[in-house]
N, C-alpha and C. Protein backbone atom coordinates (compact mmCIF):
# COMPACT_ATOMS: atom_id res chain seq x y z
N MET A 1 22.83 42.06 3.07
CA MET A 1 23.62 40.35 2.04
C MET A 1 23.84 40.03 1.37
N SER A 2 24.69 39.41 0.62
CA SER A 2 25.37 39.23 -0.20
C SER A 2 24.32 37.78 -1.05
N ALA A 3 24.60 37.66 -1.92
CA ALA A 3 23.73 37.09 -2.93
C ALA A 3 25.34 35.62 -2.78
N THR A 4 26.02 35.66 -2.12
CA THR A 4 26.53 34.58 -1.79
C THR A 4 26.12 33.74 -0.51
N VAL A 5 25.88 34.18 0.47
CA VAL A 5 25.09 33.81 1.92
C VAL A 5 23.79 33.41 1.08
N LEU A 6 22.91 33.52 0.36
CA LEU A 6 21.73 33.04 0.13
C LEU A 6 21.60 31.93 -0.95
N TYR A 7 22.72 32.08 -2.30
CA TYR A 7 23.04 30.81 -2.92
C TYR A 7 24.19 30.30 -2.65
N THR A 8 24.10 29.31 -1.68
CA THR A 8 24.72 28.89 -1.04
C THR A 8 24.82 26.70 -2.31
N PRO A 9 26.46 26.45 -1.00
CA PRO A 9 26.96 25.19 -1.93
C PRO A 9 25.99 24.36 -1.94
N ASP A 10 25.02 24.25 -0.74
CA ASP A 10 24.02 23.39 -0.45
C ASP A 10 21.92 23.90 -1.07
N VAL A 11 22.12 24.87 -1.50
CA VAL A 11 20.83 25.85 -2.20
C VAL A 11 20.87 25.24 -4.07
N LEU A 12 22.81 25.29 -3.86
CA LEU A 12 22.60 24.92 -5.81
C LEU A 12 22.45 23.35 -5.97
N ALA A 13 22.74 22.61 -5.30
CA ALA A 13 22.81 20.87 -4.75
C ALA A 13 22.00 20.68 -4.99
N LEU A 14 20.98 21.66 -4.53
CA LEU A 14 19.08 20.92 -4.77
C LEU A 14 18.34 21.10 -5.31
N THR A 15 18.62 22.12 -6.47
CA THR A 15 18.28 22.44 -7.88
C THR A 15 18.71 21.54 -8.87
N ILE A 16 19.36 20.57 -9.03
CA ILE A 16 19.93 19.80 -9.67
C ILE A 16 19.22 18.34 -9.16
N GLU A 17 18.49 17.68 -7.89
CA GLU A 17 17.76 17.88 -7.02
C GLU A 17 16.53 17.68 -8.45
N LEU A 18 15.66 18.40 -8.96
CA LEU A 18 14.59 18.20 -9.18
C LEU A 18 14.97 17.61 -10.91
N ALA A 19 15.99 17.16 -11.04
CA ALA A 19 15.65 16.18 -12.42
C ALA A 19 15.24 15.00 -12.21
N ARG A 20 14.88 14.07 -10.64
CA ARG A 20 14.83 12.78 -10.20
C ARG A 20 13.19 13.45 -10.34
N TYR A 21 12.43 14.26 -10.15
CA TYR A 21 11.36 14.33 -10.51
C TYR A 21 10.50 15.02 -11.52
N PRO A 22 10.68 14.37 -13.35
CA PRO A 22 9.98 14.81 -14.02
C PRO A 22 8.51 14.70 -14.29
N LEU A 23 7.38 15.95 -14.35
CA LEU A 23 6.43 16.11 -14.46
C LEU A 23 5.77 15.50 -15.58
N THR A 24 4.90 14.12 -15.21
CA THR A 24 5.44 13.14 -16.69
C THR A 24 3.52 13.54 -16.69
N GLU A 25 2.99 13.60 -18.28
CA GLU A 25 1.51 13.38 -18.80
C GLU A 25 0.67 12.67 -17.29
N ASP A 26 1.41 11.08 -17.46
CA ASP A 26 0.38 10.28 -16.29
C ASP A 26 -0.29 10.59 -14.97
N LEU A 27 0.45 11.54 -14.71
CA LEU A 27 0.29 12.65 -13.15
C LEU A 27 -1.41 12.57 -12.96
N PRO A 28 -1.76 12.66 -12.39
CA PRO A 28 -3.82 12.58 -12.17
C PRO A 28 -3.48 14.48 -11.91
N LEU A 29 -3.34 14.29 -10.48
CA LEU A 29 -4.24 16.04 -10.19
C LEU A 29 -2.73 16.75 -10.47
N ARG A 30 -2.81 17.96 -11.27
CA ARG A 30 -2.27 19.43 -11.51
C ARG A 30 -2.48 20.54 -11.41
N ALA A 31 -1.17 21.09 -10.97
CA ALA A 31 -1.73 22.95 -10.66
C ALA A 31 -0.35 23.35 -10.90
N GLU A 32 -0.60 24.55 -10.99
CA GLU A 32 0.93 25.62 -11.23
C GLU A 32 0.39 26.78 -10.31
N ALA A 33 1.68 27.27 -10.29
CA ALA A 33 1.99 28.71 -9.01
C ALA A 33 2.31 29.43 -9.91
N ARG A 34 2.55 30.80 -9.82
CA ARG A 34 3.45 31.73 -9.50
C ARG A 34 4.10 32.82 -8.48
N SER A 35 4.88 33.05 -8.57
CA SER A 35 4.77 34.08 -7.57
C SER A 35 4.72 35.55 -7.92
N ARG A 36 3.98 36.02 -7.35
CA ARG A 36 4.16 38.00 -7.66
C ARG A 36 5.09 38.37 -7.26
N SER A 37 6.03 38.39 -6.51
CA SER A 37 6.91 38.74 -6.07
C SER A 37 8.77 38.83 -7.09
N CYS A 38 8.42 37.98 -8.10
CA CYS A 38 9.91 37.58 -8.76
C CYS A 38 9.36 36.80 -9.98
N GLY A 39 7.86 36.41 -10.09
CA GLY A 39 7.44 36.14 -11.78
C GLY A 39 7.43 34.27 -11.66
N SER A 40 8.57 33.57 -10.62
CA SER A 40 9.06 32.70 -11.37
C SER A 40 7.60 31.87 -10.97
N THR A 41 7.51 30.38 -11.94
CA THR A 41 6.20 29.05 -11.91
C THR A 41 7.43 28.30 -12.28
N MET A 42 5.90 27.50 -10.81
CA MET A 42 6.36 25.93 -10.81
C MET A 42 4.55 25.05 -12.04
N ALA A 43 5.04 23.97 -11.94
CA ALA A 43 3.85 23.24 -12.47
C ALA A 43 3.99 22.12 -11.56
N LEU A 44 3.41 21.06 -11.27
CA LEU A 44 3.91 20.49 -10.05
C LEU A 44 2.54 19.40 -11.27
N GLY A 45 2.68 18.24 -10.88
CA GLY A 45 1.64 17.16 -11.00
C GLY A 45 1.65 15.42 -10.17
N LEU A 46 0.76 15.26 -9.90
CA LEU A 46 1.10 13.95 -8.62
C LEU A 46 -0.51 12.84 -8.58
N ALA A 47 0.04 11.90 -8.40
CA ALA A 47 -0.84 10.90 -8.22
C ALA A 47 -0.59 10.62 -6.29
N VAL A 48 -1.71 10.04 -6.24
CA VAL A 48 -1.93 9.82 -4.56
C VAL A 48 -3.31 8.27 -4.71
N ASP A 49 -2.76 7.95 -3.51
CA ASP A 49 -3.20 7.08 -3.34
C ASP A 49 -5.05 6.45 -2.72
N ASP A 50 -5.74 5.42 -2.83
CA ASP A 50 -7.28 5.97 -2.25
C ASP A 50 -7.19 6.26 -0.89
N GLY A 51 -5.90 6.38 -0.13
CA GLY A 51 -6.39 7.05 1.44
C GLY A 51 -6.00 8.69 0.91
N GLY A 52 -5.65 9.21 -0.16
CA GLY A 52 -5.43 10.63 -0.64
C GLY A 52 -3.43 11.29 0.11
N ALA A 53 -2.29 9.33 0.04
CA ALA A 53 -1.59 9.61 0.48
C ALA A 53 -0.70 10.34 -1.29
N ILE A 54 0.42 10.95 -0.92
CA ILE A 54 1.49 11.17 -1.97
C ILE A 54 1.73 10.12 -2.97
N THR A 55 1.81 9.69 -4.39
CA THR A 55 2.17 7.93 -4.13
C THR A 55 3.41 8.38 -5.17
N ARG A 56 3.49 9.45 -5.92
CA ARG A 56 4.24 10.16 -6.61
C ARG A 56 3.70 11.80 -7.19
N ILE A 57 5.12 12.41 -7.73
CA ILE A 57 4.87 13.37 -7.86
C ILE A 57 5.93 13.81 -9.10
N GLY A 58 5.60 15.23 -9.92
CA GLY A 58 6.93 15.58 -11.16
C GLY A 58 6.42 17.24 -10.66
N LEU A 59 7.38 17.78 -11.32
CA LEU A 59 7.51 19.25 -10.98
C LEU A 59 7.97 19.86 -12.54
N ARG A 60 8.17 20.83 -12.59
CA ARG A 60 8.27 21.71 -13.91
C ARG A 60 9.01 22.63 -13.33
N SER A 61 9.78 23.33 -13.41
CA SER A 61 10.08 24.61 -12.27
C SER A 61 11.16 25.75 -13.41
N HIS A 62 10.20 27.03 -13.57
CA HIS A 62 11.21 27.62 -14.50
C HIS A 62 11.51 29.01 -12.85
N ALA A 63 11.82 28.92 -12.20
CA ALA A 63 12.49 30.13 -10.52
C ALA A 63 13.66 29.54 -10.39
N CYS A 64 14.12 30.53 -9.76
CA CYS A 64 14.88 30.87 -9.33
C CYS A 64 15.87 29.46 -8.63
N ALA A 65 17.20 29.35 -8.33
CA ALA A 65 18.09 28.61 -7.41
C ALA A 65 17.30 28.65 -5.48
N ILE A 66 16.23 29.70 -5.63
CA ILE A 66 15.78 29.43 -3.86
C ILE A 66 14.54 28.50 -4.26
N GLY A 67 13.72 28.94 -5.69
CA GLY A 67 12.48 27.95 -5.73
C GLY A 67 12.73 26.84 -6.38
N GLN A 68 13.84 26.73 -7.22
CA GLN A 68 13.73 25.17 -7.56
C GLN A 68 14.28 23.98 -6.18
N ALA A 69 15.38 24.81 -5.27
CA ALA A 69 15.79 24.12 -4.07
C ALA A 69 14.65 23.72 -3.08
N SER A 70 13.70 25.14 -3.06
CA SER A 70 12.66 24.74 -2.05
C SER A 70 11.85 23.79 -2.88
N ALA A 71 11.29 23.91 -4.26
CA ALA A 71 10.62 21.82 -5.22
C ALA A 71 11.59 20.89 -4.45
N ALA A 72 12.13 20.26 -4.37
CA ALA A 72 13.43 19.84 -4.59
C ALA A 72 13.21 19.23 -2.07
N ILE A 73 13.36 19.98 -1.64
CA ILE A 73 12.92 19.93 -0.66
C ILE A 73 11.87 19.30 -0.62
N PHE A 74 10.73 20.11 -0.86
CA PHE A 74 9.34 19.31 -0.69
C PHE A 74 9.05 17.92 -1.68
N ALA A 75 9.45 17.89 -2.83
CA ALA A 75 9.15 16.75 -3.16
C ALA A 75 10.24 15.46 -2.49
N GLY A 76 11.40 15.84 -2.05
CA GLY A 76 12.42 14.31 -1.54
C GLY A 76 11.13 14.41 -0.22
N ASN A 77 10.20 14.95 -0.19
CA ASN A 77 10.08 14.21 1.33
C ASN A 77 8.17 14.34 1.83
N ALA A 78 7.48 14.40 0.00
CA ALA A 78 6.37 14.28 -0.22
C ALA A 78 5.45 13.26 0.14
N LEU A 79 6.30 12.58 -0.39
CA LEU A 79 5.75 11.39 -1.09
C LEU A 79 5.25 10.40 0.84
N GLY A 80 3.88 9.53 0.57
CA GLY A 80 3.65 8.78 1.25
C GLY A 80 2.83 10.68 2.58
N ALA A 81 2.87 12.04 1.98
CA ALA A 81 2.01 12.75 3.28
C ALA A 81 0.91 12.76 2.28
N SER A 82 -0.15 13.69 2.96
CA SER A 82 -1.91 13.61 3.05
C SER A 82 -2.05 15.65 2.70
N LYS A 83 -2.88 15.54 2.70
CA LYS A 83 -3.63 16.83 2.19
C LYS A 83 -3.65 17.27 2.99
N ASP A 84 -4.13 17.13 4.64
CA ASP A 84 -3.71 17.65 5.96
C ASP A 84 -2.07 17.72 6.42
N GLY A 85 -1.51 16.89 6.37
CA GLY A 85 0.14 17.93 6.93
C GLY A 85 0.50 18.54 6.03
N LEU A 86 0.49 18.12 4.48
CA LEU A 86 0.93 18.87 3.87
C LEU A 86 -0.06 20.78 3.61
N ALA A 87 -0.93 20.76 4.25
CA ALA A 87 -1.36 22.07 4.53
C ALA A 87 -0.75 22.49 5.83
N ALA A 88 -1.07 21.67 6.55
CA ALA A 88 -0.26 21.95 7.79
C ALA A 88 1.12 22.38 7.70
N ALA A 89 1.75 21.43 7.13
CA ALA A 89 3.67 22.53 6.61
C ALA A 89 3.16 23.45 6.10
N HIS A 90 2.63 24.44 4.67
CA HIS A 90 2.36 24.60 3.89
C HIS A 90 2.13 26.16 5.19
N ALA A 91 1.66 25.88 6.01
CA ALA A 91 1.03 26.97 7.43
C ALA A 91 2.21 27.45 7.70
N SER A 92 3.44 26.41 7.42
CA SER A 92 3.94 26.72 8.84
C SER A 92 4.95 27.42 8.55
N VAL A 93 5.49 26.84 7.36
CA VAL A 93 6.00 27.55 5.79
C VAL A 93 6.18 29.32 5.75
N LYS A 94 4.58 29.20 5.61
CA LYS A 94 4.14 31.01 5.23
C LYS A 94 4.21 31.41 6.65
N ALA A 95 4.05 30.23 7.94
CA ALA A 95 4.16 31.68 9.06
C ALA A 95 6.00 31.65 9.34
N TRP A 96 6.43 31.08 9.17
CA TRP A 96 8.21 31.29 9.42
C TRP A 96 8.53 32.35 8.85
N LEU A 97 7.82 32.80 7.03
CA LEU A 97 8.48 33.96 5.99
C LEU A 97 8.14 34.93 6.75
N ALA A 98 6.78 34.78 7.68
CA ALA A 98 6.19 36.23 7.89
C ALA A 98 6.67 36.39 9.58
N GLY A 99 7.93 35.83 9.46
CA GLY A 99 8.95 36.18 11.01
C GLY A 99 7.43 35.47 12.05
N GLU A 100 6.41 34.90 11.99
CA GLU A 100 5.84 34.00 13.10
C GLU A 100 5.85 33.52 12.88
N GLY A 101 6.79 32.19 13.06
CA GLY A 101 6.74 30.67 13.78
C GLY A 101 8.70 30.75 13.41
N GLY A 102 8.57 29.45 13.87
CA GLY A 102 10.13 28.97 13.70
C GLY A 102 10.41 27.89 12.66
N LEU A 103 11.82 27.98 12.07
CA LEU A 103 12.01 26.78 11.03
C LEU A 103 10.67 25.69 10.90
N PRO A 104 10.59 25.49 9.50
CA PRO A 104 9.37 24.34 9.56
C PRO A 104 10.56 23.21 9.61
N GLN A 105 9.20 22.18 10.15
CA GLN A 105 9.85 21.21 10.70
C GLN A 105 9.95 20.07 9.33
N TRP A 106 10.32 20.56 8.10
CA TRP A 106 9.82 19.66 7.03
C TRP A 106 11.54 19.32 6.75
N PRO A 107 11.90 18.28 6.64
CA PRO A 107 13.46 17.62 6.49
C PRO A 107 14.21 18.89 5.34
N GLY A 108 15.29 19.14 5.58
CA GLY A 108 16.16 19.86 4.58
C GLY A 108 16.08 21.01 4.53
N PHE A 109 14.90 21.66 4.93
CA PHE A 109 14.60 22.95 5.39
C PHE A 109 15.07 24.24 6.17
N ASP A 110 16.33 23.56 6.88
CA ASP A 110 17.64 24.87 6.99
C ASP A 110 18.75 25.00 6.06
N LYS A 111 17.95 24.26 5.29
CA LYS A 111 19.29 24.31 3.95
C LYS A 111 19.05 25.62 3.50
N ILE A 112 17.56 26.41 3.32
CA ILE A 112 16.95 27.68 2.30
C ILE A 112 16.78 28.59 3.23
N SER A 113 17.01 28.31 4.54
CA SER A 113 16.61 29.19 5.64
C SER A 113 17.44 30.52 5.62
N PRO A 114 18.41 30.69 4.72
CA PRO A 114 19.03 32.37 4.56
C PRO A 114 17.61 33.10 3.97
N ALA A 115 17.05 32.36 3.09
CA ALA A 115 15.66 32.89 2.31
C ALA A 115 14.97 34.52 3.08
N ARG A 116 15.09 33.10 4.17
CA ARG A 116 13.20 34.33 4.55
C ARG A 116 13.84 35.94 5.19
N ASP A 117 15.27 36.16 5.00
CA ASP A 117 15.54 37.57 4.98
C ASP A 117 15.81 37.97 3.69
N TYR A 118 14.91 37.87 2.99
CA TYR A 118 14.71 38.04 1.24
C TYR A 118 14.04 37.87 1.08
N PRO A 119 12.43 39.10 1.53
CA PRO A 119 11.65 39.01 0.86
C PRO A 119 11.07 39.00 -0.28
N ALA A 120 11.30 39.24 -1.63
CA ALA A 120 11.54 38.96 -2.63
C ALA A 120 11.48 38.09 -3.10
N ARG A 121 12.17 36.19 -2.40
CA ARG A 121 12.39 35.02 -2.11
C ARG A 121 11.21 34.58 -1.96
N HIS A 122 10.43 35.32 -0.74
CA HIS A 122 9.14 34.32 0.11
C HIS A 122 8.14 33.45 -0.96
N GLY A 123 7.61 33.98 -2.18
CA GLY A 123 7.12 34.02 -3.33
C GLY A 123 7.50 32.62 -3.47
N ALA A 124 8.99 32.54 -4.28
CA ALA A 124 9.85 31.02 -4.84
C ALA A 124 9.37 30.25 -3.73
N VAL A 125 9.92 30.56 -2.54
CA VAL A 125 9.66 29.33 -1.68
C VAL A 125 8.63 28.93 -1.45
N LEU A 126 7.40 29.35 -1.90
CA LEU A 126 5.95 29.07 -1.56
C LEU A 126 5.48 27.62 -2.70
N LEU A 127 6.42 28.47 -4.19
CA LEU A 127 5.44 27.28 -4.69
C LEU A 127 5.47 25.97 -5.14
N PRO A 128 5.92 25.34 -4.92
CA PRO A 128 5.53 23.30 -4.63
C PRO A 128 4.43 23.79 -3.36
N TRP A 129 4.72 23.96 -2.50
CA TRP A 129 3.58 23.98 -1.72
C TRP A 129 2.05 24.82 -1.97
N GLU A 130 1.98 26.13 -2.25
CA GLU A 130 1.04 25.98 -3.06
C GLU A 130 0.45 25.68 -4.50
N ALA A 131 0.86 25.33 -5.20
CA ALA A 131 0.74 24.18 -6.73
C ALA A 131 0.35 23.12 -5.84
N ALA A 132 0.87 22.43 -4.74
CA ALA A 132 0.37 21.04 -3.62
C ALA A 132 -0.83 21.13 -3.52
N MET A 133 -1.15 22.27 -3.18
CA MET A 133 -2.37 22.54 -2.21
C MET A 133 -3.75 22.67 -3.47
N GLN A 134 -2.84 23.13 -4.39
CA GLN A 134 -4.13 23.28 -5.34
C GLN A 134 -4.15 21.98 -5.67
N ALA A 135 -3.28 21.24 -6.28
CA ALA A 135 -3.08 19.97 -7.45
C ALA A 135 -4.60 19.41 -6.00
N LEU A 136 -4.32 19.28 -4.87
CA LEU A 136 -5.23 18.42 -4.20
C LEU A 136 -6.54 18.79 -3.98
N SER A 137 -6.50 20.20 -4.40
CA SER A 137 -8.33 20.65 -3.85
C SER A 137 -8.50 20.41 -4.73
N HIS A 138 -8.31 18.91 -6.47
CA HIS A 138 -9.02 18.61 -7.11
C HIS A 138 -8.88 17.22 -6.64
N SER A 139 -8.89 16.78 -5.53
CA SER A 139 -8.69 15.05 -5.51
C SER A 139 -9.51 14.86 -4.73
């Protein structure tokens, strides 16, 4: 497969979306994740309400376009999500990448579906999910 199949206009457009989610100092729950396969990193900050639902999110990404697109898809739909809901979605993403499940039911995930055929990008796809789970483990 060629890079043009992986880096589609939709993927590249998603990378710009991260500007909507600045990582600010006032986000109390924080974590960082690093991909072993490609070295990409992501820092994430969250705020949650009294019931544990995400109310704000911020990201700082040093990742390839696939990692950035995954982060934008994550952030664009994470508001209102709970730790349990994110854990289920995270498990779905991991299973899909491993070829053990269908496309995750997270809005927009279809835009990065070609990444499944690129194992070196799997770690980048998982970055926002893993950082969020780590951050929420501190709540």
